[in-house]
Amino acid sequence: MSPIGREEAAERAARELLGPQYAQEPLFDRLMRYARQFINDLLDATAGGGTAGGILAAIVILLLLVSVAVLITWQVRRAGRRRAAPSGELFDDRRLTAAEHRQAAERFAAESRWTEAIQERLRAIARDLEERALVDGMPGRTADELAAEAGLALPPFAADLTAAARSFDEVTYGGVPGTSAAYDFMTALDTRLATARPVPLETTP
């Protein structure tokens, strides 16, 4: 039997790849197989293409490997930025009242889902302060921004607001599990803030 030439082998491979057994092959696996086949062809050219052909093939392989490395590095860094830099926003896409956030917090607390309960309780505090015009209804507000602005309007509560914001960030972005003690602190702060009044501005004589 005579050996199969390169062109005939490529045609047979193409027909094989069009078979139904490859129809459901994942795209990534298919691309990796194509890449391996391409590199093998270049290596064959390096071995049998003479000095000039071998140098050219080696350069193409090097460029291909560098491109793959750059692509992988970019993907890893982008994924890392997504994990390391969360949005930090206090509210999600829902638009609920302070009372609705409190009800949600109480439901989560009844189920001992302390992380969600803490989140909803601080959202209730923020919405209540907005509804009472003690802070602006700023879109995209973070917990730290809420604590800073509310602390200016209600100085006696500044430290507790900062602690509440830190607790929210820890359970939401820091991977710290919520606790009943943290939720009780947030609930007590919410109750105290409900009757708080802003400090009047000093007027010059």
Protein backbone atom coordinates (compact mmCIF):
# COMPACT_ATOMS: atom_id res chain seq x y z
CA MET A 1 0.00 0.00 0.00
CA SER A 2 1.43 3.38 -1.03
CA PRO A 3 1.81 6.03 1.71
CA ILE A 4 -0.90 8.68 2.01
CA GLY A 5 0.14 12.16 0.89
CA ARG A 6 -0.35 15.26 3.02
CA GLU A 7 -3.22 16.65 0.89
CA GLU A 8 -5.09 13.36 0.92
CA ALA A 9 -4.59 13.06 4.67
CA ALA A 10 -5.96 16.57 5.16
CA GLU A 11 -9.02 15.76 3.05
CA ARG A 12 -9.67 12.59 5.03
CA ALA A 13 -9.29 14.50 8.28
CA ALA A 14 -11.72 17.15 7.10
CA ARG A 15 -14.29 14.52 6.16
CA GLU A 16 -13.78 12.86 9.53
CA LEU A 17 -14.34 16.14 11.38
CA LEU A 18 -17.59 16.70 9.54
CA GLY A 19 -18.95 13.45 10.90
CA PRO A 20 -21.89 13.46 13.35
CA GLN A 21 -19.69 12.32 16.24
CA TYR A 22 -18.09 15.81 16.27
CA ALA A 23 -21.32 17.80 15.99
CA GLN A 24 -21.65 18.26 19.74
CA GLU A 25 -17.95 18.85 20.46
CA PRO A 26 -17.44 21.93 22.66
CA LEU A 27 -16.04 24.92 20.83
CA PHE A 28 -13.02 25.20 23.14
CA ASP A 29 -12.07 21.55 22.58
CA ARG A 30 -12.44 21.99 18.84
CA LEU A 31 -10.24 25.08 18.81
CA MET A 32 -7.59 23.35 20.91
CA ARG A 33 -7.58 20.41 18.52
CA TYR A 34 -7.20 22.74 15.54
CA ALA A 35 -4.35 24.53 17.32
CA ARG A 36 -2.54 21.26 18.05
CA GLN A 37 -2.95 20.15 14.46
CA PHE A 38 -1.63 23.50 13.22
CA ILE A 39 1.41 23.30 15.50
CA ASN A 40 2.10 19.72 14.40
CA ASP A 41 2.00 20.81 10.78
CA LEU A 42 4.46 23.60 11.53
CA LEU A 43 6.76 21.17 13.33
CA ASP A 44 6.65 18.90 10.28
CA ALA A 45 7.57 21.87 8.14
CA THR A 46 10.44 22.69 10.47
CA ALA A 47 11.79 19.17 10.15
CA GLY A 48 11.50 18.89 6.39
CA GLY A 49 11.33 22.37 4.95
CA GLY A 50 14.99 23.29 4.86
CA THR A 51 16.76 25.99 6.81
CA ALA A 52 14.62 28.92 5.65
CA GLY A 53 11.38 27.04 6.10
CA GLY A 54 12.43 25.81 9.51
CA ILE A 55 13.28 29.31 10.73
CA LEU A 56 10.00 30.70 9.44
CA ALA A 57 8.01 27.91 11.05
CA ALA A 58 9.83 28.40 14.34
CA ILE A 59 9.01 32.12 14.29
CA VAL A 60 5.33 31.41 13.59
CA ILE A 61 5.21 28.90 16.46
CA LEU A 62 6.83 31.38 18.82
CA LEU A 63 4.37 34.12 17.85
CA LEU A 64 1.47 31.72 18.29
CA LEU A 65 2.63 30.69 21.76
CA VAL A 66 3.14 34.31 22.81
CA SER A 67 -0.36 35.19 21.58
CA VAL A 68 -1.89 32.34 23.55
CA ALA A 69 0.03 33.36 26.67
CA VAL A 70 -1.12 36.97 26.32
CA LEU A 71 -4.73 35.88 25.86
CA ILE A 72 -4.64 33.63 28.92
CA THR A 73 -3.01 36.36 31.03
CA TRP A 74 -5.63 38.90 29.96
CA GLN A 75 -8.48 36.55 30.78
CA VAL A 76 -7.02 35.75 34.23
CA ARG A 77 -6.47 39.41 35.05
CA ARG A 78 -9.97 40.36 33.91
CA ALA A 79 -11.50 37.61 36.07
CA GLY A 80 -9.35 38.75 38.99
CA ARG A 81 -10.52 42.34 38.62
CA ARG A 82 -14.12 41.18 38.64
CA ARG A 83 -13.57 39.26 41.85
CA ALA A 84 -11.43 41.87 43.56
CA ALA A 85 -13.44 44.96 42.61
CA PRO A 86 -17.11 44.38 43.32
CA SER A 87 -19.53 47.15 42.57
CA GLY A 88 -19.94 48.02 46.26
CA GLU A 89 -23.44 49.35 45.68
CA LEU A 90 -25.83 49.23 48.61
CA PHE A 91 -29.00 48.56 46.61
CA ASP A 92 -29.64 46.06 43.87
CA ASP A 93 -32.05 46.55 40.96
CA ARG A 94 -35.14 46.40 43.19
CA ARG A 95 -36.90 49.56 44.31
CA LEU A 96 -38.41 48.84 47.73
CA THR A 97 -39.55 51.05 50.58
CA ALA A 98 -37.91 51.04 53.99
CA ALA A 99 -40.82 49.03 55.37
CA GLU A 100 -40.46 46.42 52.62
CA HIS A 101 -36.74 46.07 53.28
CA ARG A 102 -37.47 45.62 56.98
CA GLN A 103 -40.02 42.91 56.24
CA ALA A 104 -37.49 41.13 54.03
CA ALA A 105 -34.86 41.40 56.77
CA GLU A 106 -37.23 39.89 59.33
CA ARG A 107 -38.08 37.00 57.02
CA PHE A 108 -34.41 36.20 56.49
CA ALA A 109 -33.72 36.49 60.22
CA ALA A 110 -36.56 34.08 60.98
CA GLU A 111 -34.79 31.58 58.71
CA SER A 112 -31.39 32.32 60.34
CA ARG A 113 -30.13 33.65 57.02
CA TRP A 114 -28.10 36.32 58.74
CA THR A 115 -26.13 37.57 55.74
CA GLU A 116 -29.27 38.46 53.78
CA ALA A 117 -30.93 39.79 56.93
CA ILE A 118 -28.03 42.17 57.58
CA GLN A 119 -28.07 43.34 53.97
CA GLU A 120 -31.79 44.06 53.99
CA ARG A 121 -31.66 45.79 57.37
CA LEU A 122 -29.00 48.25 56.24
CA ARG A 123 -30.98 48.84 53.05
CA ALA A 124 -33.98 49.60 55.26
CA ILE A 125 -31.89 52.12 57.19
CA ALA A 126 -30.69 53.76 53.99
CA ARG A 127 -34.15 53.92 52.46
CA ASP A 128 -35.64 55.30 55.66
CA LEU A 129 -33.05 58.07 55.76
CA GLU A 130 -33.79 58.86 52.12
CA GLU A 131 -37.54 58.91 52.72
CA ARG A 132 -37.02 61.35 55.59
CA ALA A 133 -34.70 63.51 53.44
CA LEU A 134 -31.80 63.04 55.85
CA VAL A 135 -29.63 61.81 52.98
CA ASP A 136 -29.94 62.24 49.24
CA GLY A 137 -31.39 59.43 47.14
CA MET A 138 -28.10 58.94 45.30
CA PRO A 139 -28.10 56.12 42.72
CA GLY A 140 -25.28 53.63 43.09
CA ARG A 141 -24.62 54.63 46.69
CA THR A 142 -22.24 52.40 48.66
CA ALA A 143 -22.58 51.50 52.32
CA ASP A 144 -19.55 53.64 53.18
CA GLU A 145 -21.01 56.62 51.34
CA LEU A 146 -24.26 56.21 53.24
CA ALA A 147 -22.43 56.11 56.57
CA ALA A 148 -20.40 59.20 55.72
CA GLU A 149 -23.38 61.28 54.59
CA ALA A 150 -25.73 60.12 57.35
CA GLY A 151 -23.00 60.69 59.93
CA LEU A 152 -22.84 64.35 58.95
CA ALA A 153 -26.60 64.74 59.39
CA LEU A 154 -26.68 62.65 62.58
CA PRO A 155 -23.28 63.00 64.31
CA PRO A 156 -24.21 60.95 67.43
CA PHE A 157 -24.77 57.95 65.14
CA ALA A 158 -21.65 58.37 62.96
CA ALA A 159 -19.61 55.62 64.62
CA ASP A 160 -22.46 53.11 64.62
CA LEU A 161 -23.27 53.88 60.97
CA THR A 162 -19.65 53.27 60.05
CA ALA A 163 -19.71 49.95 61.91
CA ALA A 164 -22.95 48.97 60.17
CA ALA A 165 -21.49 49.80 56.76
CA ARG A 166 -18.41 47.73 57.55
CA SER A 167 -20.60 44.80 58.60
CA PHE A 168 -22.57 45.07 55.33
CA ASP A 169 -19.39 45.10 53.24
CA GLU A 170 -17.92 42.13 55.14
CA VAL A 171 -20.90 39.86 54.58
CA THR A 172 -21.55 41.06 51.04
CA TYR A 173 -18.05 41.30 49.56
CA GLY A 174 -15.62 39.97 52.15
CA GLY A 175 -16.96 36.46 52.49
CA VAL A 176 -17.59 36.92 56.21
CA PRO A 177 -20.69 34.95 57.35
CA GLY A 178 -23.42 36.99 58.94
CA THR A 179 -24.30 36.44 62.59
CA SER A 180 -27.31 37.02 64.77
CA ALA A 181 -25.27 39.46 66.90
CA ALA A 182 -24.42 41.57 63.87
CA TYR A 183 -28.06 41.54 62.79
CA ASP A 184 -29.24 42.53 66.29
CA PHE A 185 -26.83 45.46 66.25
CA MET A 186 -28.16 46.56 62.86
CA THR A 187 -31.77 46.22 64.03
CA ALA A 188 -31.14 48.23 67.19
CA LEU A 189 -29.48 50.95 65.11
CA ASP A 190 -32.47 51.01 62.76
CA THR A 191 -34.83 51.43 65.72
CA ARG A 192 -32.79 54.26 67.21
CA LEU A 193 -32.43 56.06 63.90
CA ALA A 194 -36.21 55.96 63.37
CA THR A 195 -36.65 58.71 65.98
CA ALA A 196 -33.41 60.58 65.34
CA ARG A 197 -33.47 64.19 64.24
CA PRO A 198 -30.74 66.00 62.36
CA VAL A 199 -28.47 68.39 64.19
CA PRO A 200 -29.58 71.97 63.36
CA LEU A 201 -27.09 74.04 61.44
CA GLU A 202 -25.28 76.65 63.45
CA THR A 203 -26.11 80.19 62.50
CA THR A 204 -23.76 83.11 62.86
CA PRO A 205 -25.08 86.17 64.71
